[in-house]
């Protein structure tokens, strides 16, 4: 899929044909579309299609006619009917008269720009556009980490009565998501630091410097949050395993105590169920002997239950 957007002084629109200063967004483009874009803007086809590899690492590549920036962006992934986070590469190519973004999927990052939620965003201001993308991407990482924290709080609330491994598996999936996010954030941090340095090929103005500095601060804050949440999840995972084991032991103890309470009636009824010649069992021949024996059995079980309660075993 290919989309072309162009900003003017007053509006932001999607256009059909390319105009200088436009933003070209490629989502999992075909080989033919990639070749046409590469030839039109004199871009190496390998660089244009590099972000389509899910394992591609983040980097900056400066060529004669363009600058390639690859960063990781967070994405939600459905597993076992639940949402978790992964990261995929996003390529940003700053050409002479356009900004080209290419990615394997349509990322939520672009919704901020398409819906007009970014102030002072213009497609023809290429450097600022790139820095705005990086800043919003850092904010998305923070949003993803807060979402993981809320999910862990919900799981923690369910742990008190947990007896199965579902909560433990959910905690492990969240921990895996944080590991992915943290690794991507550290790589993105290096990219932002390179852009902050004087060796960057992108021309920066005073406002752009401030925006890039804010991006670096947001990225570092996200790394710190990821480290904190990772440690918390590690502790919660170990604790949840102990809680599940304790809950299972409590159930087994309760069943054992109930069995012990029922042993007394079982013994009495078994004794009266045996057939002997010239039976001389107690209460034999009384008209209400059945109910009397039942009451004695119930009284014996009640005494055992009261004893357990006094010992606080239930």
Protein backbone atom coordinates (compact mmCIF):
# COMPACT_ATOMS: atom_id res chain seq x y z
CA UNK A 1 0.00 0.00 0.00
CA UNK A 2 1.24 3.47 -0.89
CA UNK A 3 -0.10 6.76 0.46
CA UNK A 4 1.07 10.27 -0.38
CA UNK A 5 0.38 13.21 1.94
CA UNK A 6 1.13 16.89 1.46
CA UNK A 7 0.93 19.80 3.86
CA UNK A 8 0.28 23.39 2.94
CA UNK A 9 0.22 26.42 5.18
CA UNK A 10 -3.43 25.76 6.04
CA UNK A 11 -4.28 22.10 5.45
CA UNK A 12 -3.03 18.54 5.28
CA UNK A 13 -4.37 16.26 2.55
CA UNK A 14 -3.79 12.92 0.89
CA UNK A 15 -2.94 13.37 -2.77
CA UNK A 16 -2.87 11.02 -5.75
CA UNK A 17 0.37 12.08 -7.47
CA UNK A 18 3.65 13.08 -5.92
CA UNK A 19 4.55 16.73 -5.37
CA UNK A 20 7.79 18.09 -3.89
CA UNK A 21 7.70 18.30 -0.12
CA UNK A 22 5.29 15.37 0.22
CA UNK A 23 5.34 12.44 2.61
CA UNK A 24 5.19 8.98 1.01
CA UNK A 25 4.04 6.20 3.32
CA UNK A 26 4.71 2.64 2.15
CA UNK A 27 3.09 -0.26 4.00
CA UNK A 28 4.46 -3.66 2.97
CA UNK A 29 5.01 -2.47 -0.62
CA UNK A 30 5.38 -4.89 -3.47
CA UNK A 31 8.67 -5.34 -5.25
CA UNK A 32 7.36 -3.38 -8.23
CA UNK A 33 6.30 -0.38 -6.11
CA UNK A 34 9.64 -0.43 -4.31
CA UNK A 35 11.54 -0.41 -7.58
CA UNK A 36 9.53 2.57 -8.91
CA UNK A 37 10.08 4.60 -5.72
CA UNK A 38 13.77 3.69 -5.62
CA UNK A 39 14.30 4.79 -9.22
CA UNK A 40 12.25 7.96 -8.80
CA UNK A 41 14.24 9.18 -5.78
CA UNK A 42 17.56 7.52 -6.60
CA UNK A 43 17.46 5.26 -3.52
CA UNK A 44 19.15 1.90 -3.16
CA UNK A 45 16.41 -0.73 -3.33
CA UNK A 46 18.11 -2.66 -0.53
CA UNK A 47 17.78 0.31 1.83
CA UNK A 48 14.17 0.88 0.82
CA UNK A 49 13.16 -2.70 1.57
CA UNK A 50 15.41 -3.24 4.60
CA UNK A 51 12.70 -2.24 7.16
CA UNK A 52 10.42 -4.93 5.72
CA UNK A 53 12.60 -7.52 7.45
CA UNK A 54 11.19 -8.02 10.95
CA UNK A 55 14.70 -8.83 12.25
CA UNK A 56 16.34 -5.70 10.80
CA UNK A 57 18.33 -3.76 13.40
CA UNK A 58 18.01 -0.02 13.97
CA UNK A 59 20.66 2.16 12.36
CA UNK A 60 21.45 5.36 10.50
CA UNK A 61 22.87 5.24 7.00
CA UNK A 62 23.97 8.43 5.24
CA UNK A 63 24.20 8.28 1.43
CA UNK A 64 24.83 10.94 -1.20
CA UNK A 65 21.16 11.54 -2.04
CA UNK A 66 19.36 10.49 1.11
CA UNK A 67 19.59 9.53 4.78
CA UNK A 68 18.10 6.26 6.04
CA UNK A 69 16.96 5.98 9.65
CA UNK A 70 15.61 2.67 10.95
CA UNK A 71 14.02 2.57 14.41
CA UNK A 72 11.82 0.09 16.25
CA UNK A 73 8.18 0.94 16.89
CA UNK A 74 5.81 -0.80 19.33
CA UNK A 75 2.92 -2.86 18.00
CA UNK A 76 0.16 -4.82 19.69
CA UNK A 77 -0.04 -8.54 18.97
CA UNK A 78 -2.91 -10.90 19.77
CA UNK A 79 -1.91 -14.13 21.53
CA UNK A 80 -4.39 -16.42 23.26
CA UNK A 81 -7.14 -13.77 22.87
CA UNK A 82 -5.03 -11.21 24.76
CA UNK A 83 -2.99 -8.23 23.61
CA UNK A 84 0.75 -8.09 24.10
CA UNK A 85 3.49 -5.87 22.68
CA UNK A 86 6.22 -6.53 20.15
CA UNK A 87 8.38 -4.20 18.07
CA UNK A 88 8.92 -3.97 14.32
CA UNK A 89 11.33 -1.87 12.25
CA UNK A 90 10.24 1.43 10.72
CA UNK A 91 12.32 3.00 7.96
CA UNK A 92 12.47 6.78 7.52
CA UNK A 93 14.20 7.98 4.36
CA UNK A 94 14.91 11.69 4.05
CA UNK A 95 15.34 12.33 0.33
CA UNK A 96 16.00 15.63 -1.41
CA UNK A 97 12.35 16.61 -1.87
CA UNK A 98 10.39 14.05 0.16
CA UNK A 99 10.20 12.00 3.34
CA UNK A 100 9.54 8.30 2.72
CA UNK A 101 8.42 5.94 5.48
CA UNK A 102 8.31 2.20 4.94
CA UNK A 103 7.14 -0.52 7.28
CA UNK A 104 5.85 -4.06 7.25
CA UNK A 105 2.53 -3.04 8.87
CA UNK A 106 0.42 0.08 9.28
CA UNK A 107 1.72 1.36 12.61
CA UNK A 108 -0.38 3.44 15.06
CA UNK A 109 2.41 6.04 15.13
CA UNK A 110 1.16 7.62 11.92
CA UNK A 111 -2.36 8.14 13.28
CA UNK A 112 -1.11 11.17 15.24
CA UNK A 113 -0.06 12.86 11.99
CA UNK A 114 -2.91 11.73 9.75
CA UNK A 115 -5.52 12.94 12.25
CA UNK A 116 -3.90 16.34 12.76
CA UNK A 117 -2.95 15.73 16.41
CA UNK A 118 0.62 17.02 16.06
CA UNK A 119 1.23 20.75 16.31
CA UNK A 120 3.44 22.50 13.75
CA UNK A 121 3.56 19.45 11.53
CA UNK A 122 4.32 20.06 7.88
CA UNK A 123 5.49 17.43 5.42
CA UNK A 124 7.83 19.87 3.66
CA UNK A 125 9.73 20.54 6.95
CA UNK A 126 11.57 17.25 6.60
CA UNK A 127 13.96 17.41 9.56
CA UNK A 128 11.30 18.49 12.02
CA UNK A 129 8.95 15.81 10.67
CA UNK A 130 11.59 13.13 11.36
CA UNK A 131 12.15 14.41 14.90
CA UNK A 132 8.39 14.58 15.50
CA UNK A 133 8.13 10.94 14.40
CA UNK A 134 10.85 9.94 16.83
CA UNK A 135 9.28 11.93 19.67
CA UNK A 136 5.82 10.41 19.14
CA UNK A 137 7.40 6.98 18.89
CA UNK A 138 9.02 7.47 22.31
CA UNK A 139 5.61 8.47 23.69
CA UNK A 140 4.11 5.28 22.24
CA UNK A 141 6.68 3.23 24.13
CA UNK A 142 5.66 4.99 27.35
CA UNK A 143 1.99 4.31 26.59
CA UNK A 144 2.76 0.63 25.95
CA UNK A 145 4.65 0.35 29.26
CA UNK A 146 1.78 1.95 31.17
CA UNK A 147 -0.63 -0.48 29.50
CA UNK A 148 1.54 -3.41 30.61
CA UNK A 149 1.60 -2.01 34.14
CA UNK A 150 -2.22 -1.85 34.20
CA UNK A 151 -2.45 -5.42 32.93
CA UNK A 152 -0.05 -6.60 35.63
CA UNK A 153 -2.20 -4.86 38.27
CA UNK A 154 -5.26 -6.77 37.06
CA UNK A 155 -3.39 -10.06 37.16
CA UNK A 156 -2.09 -9.25 40.63
CA UNK A 157 -5.67 -8.73 41.83
CA UNK A 158 -6.59 -12.20 40.53
CA UNK A 159 -3.60 -13.97 42.08
CA UNK A 160 -5.14 -14.24 45.55
CA UNK A 161 -7.52 -16.97 44.39
CA UNK A 162 -5.45 -18.38 41.54
CA UNK A 163 -4.98 -22.15 41.46
CA UNK A 164 -4.02 -22.64 37.80
CA UNK A 165 -1.09 -21.52 35.67
CA UNK A 166 -3.05 -19.01 33.55
CA UNK A 167 -2.04 -16.00 35.62
CA UNK A 168 1.56 -17.19 35.68
CA UNK A 169 1.60 -17.54 31.90
CA UNK A 170 0.11 -14.04 31.52
CA UNK A 171 2.85 -12.64 33.74
CA UNK A 172 5.50 -14.34 31.63
CA UNK A 173 3.99 -12.91 28.43
CA UNK A 174 4.02 -9.40 29.92
CA UNK A 175 7.61 -9.88 31.00
CA UNK A 176 8.49 -10.94 27.47
CA UNK A 177 6.82 -7.80 26.08
CA UNK A 178 8.85 -5.59 28.40
CA UNK A 179 12.08 -7.30 27.33
CA UNK A 180 11.26 -6.57 23.68
CA UNK A 181 10.37 -2.94 24.42
CA UNK A 182 13.44 -2.35 26.58
CA UNK A 183 15.82 -3.78 23.98
CA UNK A 184 14.28 -1.63 21.25
CA UNK A 185 14.38 1.48 23.42
CA UNK A 186 18.09 1.10 24.06
CA UNK A 187 18.78 0.84 20.33
CA UNK A 188 16.50 3.82 19.60
CA UNK A 189 18.36 5.79 22.25
CA UNK A 190 21.60 5.32 20.33
CA UNK A 191 19.90 6.54 17.15
CA UNK A 192 18.63 9.70 18.85
CA UNK A 193 22.06 10.38 20.37
CA UNK A 194 23.64 10.13 16.91
CA UNK A 195 21.11 12.60 15.55
CA UNK A 196 21.81 14.92 18.47
CA UNK A 197 25.53 14.99 17.69
CA UNK A 198 27.17 17.40 15.30
CA UNK A 199 27.98 14.58 12.89
CA UNK A 200 24.32 14.24 11.91
CA UNK A 201 23.62 14.84 8.23
CA UNK A 202 20.22 16.40 8.97
CA UNK A 203 20.18 20.16 9.24
CA UNK A 204 18.75 21.23 12.59
CA UNK A 205 17.31 24.52 13.78
CA UNK A 206 16.90 25.75 17.37
CA UNK A 207 13.36 24.36 17.71
CA UNK A 208 14.49 21.06 16.22
CA UNK A 209 17.30 20.81 18.77
CA UNK A 210 14.79 21.23 21.60
CA UNK A 211 12.49 18.62 20.08
CA UNK A 212 15.35 16.16 19.68
CA UNK A 213 16.45 16.74 23.28
CA UNK A 214 12.89 16.08 24.47
CA UNK A 215 12.89 12.89 22.41
CA UNK A 216 16.08 11.72 24.10
CA UNK A 217 14.61 12.49 27.55
CA UNK A 218 11.39 10.59 26.73
CA UNK A 219 13.39 7.62 25.45
CA UNK A 220 15.58 7.49 28.55
CA UNK A 221 12.53 7.82 30.78
CA UNK A 222 10.92 4.89 28.95
CA UNK A 223 14.08 2.80 29.48
CA UNK A 224 13.97 3.53 33.22
CA UNK A 225 10.27 2.65 33.38
CA UNK A 226 10.91 -0.59 31.48
CA UNK A 227 13.66 -1.53 33.95
CA UNK A 228 11.39 -0.84 36.93
CA UNK A 229 8.44 -2.76 35.48
CA UNK A 230 10.75 -5.64 34.50
CA UNK A 231 11.98 -5.97 38.08
CA UNK A 232 8.43 -5.75 39.42
CA UNK A 233 7.24 -8.44 37.02
CA UNK A 234 10.16 -10.69 37.95
CA UNK A 235 9.17 -10.48 41.61
CA UNK A 236 5.48 -10.92 40.80
CA UNK A 237 6.19 -13.98 38.65
CA UNK A 238 8.10 -15.67 41.45
CA UNK A 239 5.46 -14.63 43.99
CA UNK A 240 2.60 -15.82 41.80
CA UNK A 241 4.16 -19.28 41.52
CA UNK A 242 4.33 -19.46 45.32
CA UNK A 243 0.76 -18.19 45.69
CA UNK A 244 -0.59 -20.77 43.25
CA UNK A 245 1.29 -23.52 45.11
CA UNK A 246 -0.05 -22.31 48.47
CA UNK A 247 -3.61 -22.12 47.15
CA UNK A 248 -3.37 -25.66 45.84
CA UNK A 249 -2.00 -26.85 49.18
CA UNK A 250 -4.90 -25.11 50.95
CA UNK A 251 -7.40 -26.94 48.76
CA UNK A 252 -5.73 -30.27 49.43
CA UNK A 253 -5.67 -29.57 53.18
CA UNK A 254 -9.37 -28.69 53.16
CA UNK A 255 -10.22 -31.89 51.31
CA UNK A 256 -8.13 -33.93 53.75
CA UNK A 257 -9.84 -32.35 56.77
CA UNK A 258 -13.28 -32.98 55.25
CA UNK A 259 -12.29 -36.60 54.68
CA UNK A 260 -11.21 -36.93 58.31
CA UNK A 261 -14.51 -35.44 59.49
CA UNK A 262 -16.43 -37.97 57.41
CA UNK A 263 -14.37 -40.93 58.63
CA UNK A 264 -16.38 -41.23 61.89
CA UNK A 265 -19.80 -41.70 60.20
CA UNK A 266 -18.15 -44.03 57.67
CA UNK A 267 -16.79 -46.30 60.42
CA UNK A 268 -20.10 -46.36 62.32
CA UNK A 269 -22.23 -47.05 59.25
CA UNK A 270 -19.79 -49.71 58.06
CA UNK A 271 -19.99 -51.48 61.42
CA UNK A 272 -23.77 -51.48 61.36
CA UNK A 273 -23.75 -52.66 57.76
CA UNK A 274 -22.08 -55.98 58.62
CA UNK A 275 -24.33 -59.03 58.94
CA UNK A 276 -23.69 -61.39 61.89
CA UNK A 277 -25.71 -64.25 63.30
CA UNK A 278 -27.26 -63.33 66.66
CA UNK A 279 -26.41 -59.64 66.12
CA UNK A 280 -25.82 -57.86 69.45
CA UNK A 281 -24.95 -54.39 68.13
CA UNK A 282 -25.94 -51.48 70.41
CA UNK A 283 -29.49 -50.15 69.97
CA UNK A 284 -30.40 -53.30 68.07
CA UNK A 285 -34.16 -53.74 68.12
CA UNK A 286 -35.06 -50.18 69.13
CA UNK A 287 -37.81 -48.65 66.97
CA UNK A 288 -35.79 -45.42 66.30
CA UNK A 289 -32.33 -46.95 66.29
CA UNK A 290 -31.52 -45.68 62.76
CA UNK A 291 -32.02 -42.02 63.64
CA UNK A 292 -30.19 -42.42 66.92
CA UNK A 293 -27.14 -43.86 65.17
CA UNK A 294 -27.26 -41.06 62.57
CA UNK A 295 -27.30 -38.45 65.36
CA UNK A 296 -24.33 -40.12 67.09
CA UNK A 297 -22.37 -40.12 63.79
CA UNK A 298 -23.26 -36.45 63.14
CA UNK A 299 -22.23 -35.54 66.69
CA UNK A 300 -18.87 -37.26 66.25
CA UNK A 301 -18.23 -35.42 62.96
CA UNK A 302 -19.28 -32.12 64.53
CA UNK A 303 -16.81 -32.58 67.38
CA UNK A 304 -14.01 -33.18 64.88
CA UNK A 305 -15.00 -30.11 62.83
CA UNK A 306 -15.15 -27.92 65.96
CA UNK A 307 -11.71 -29.14 66.96
CA UNK A 308 -10.33 -28.21 63.52
CA UNK A 309 -11.87 -24.75 63.74
CA UNK A 310 -10.40 -24.15 67.17
CA UNK A 311 -7.01 -25.14 65.83
CA UNK A 312 -7.66 -22.77 62.87
CA UNK A 313 -6.98 -25.50 60.37
CA UNK A 314 -9.96 -24.52 58.21
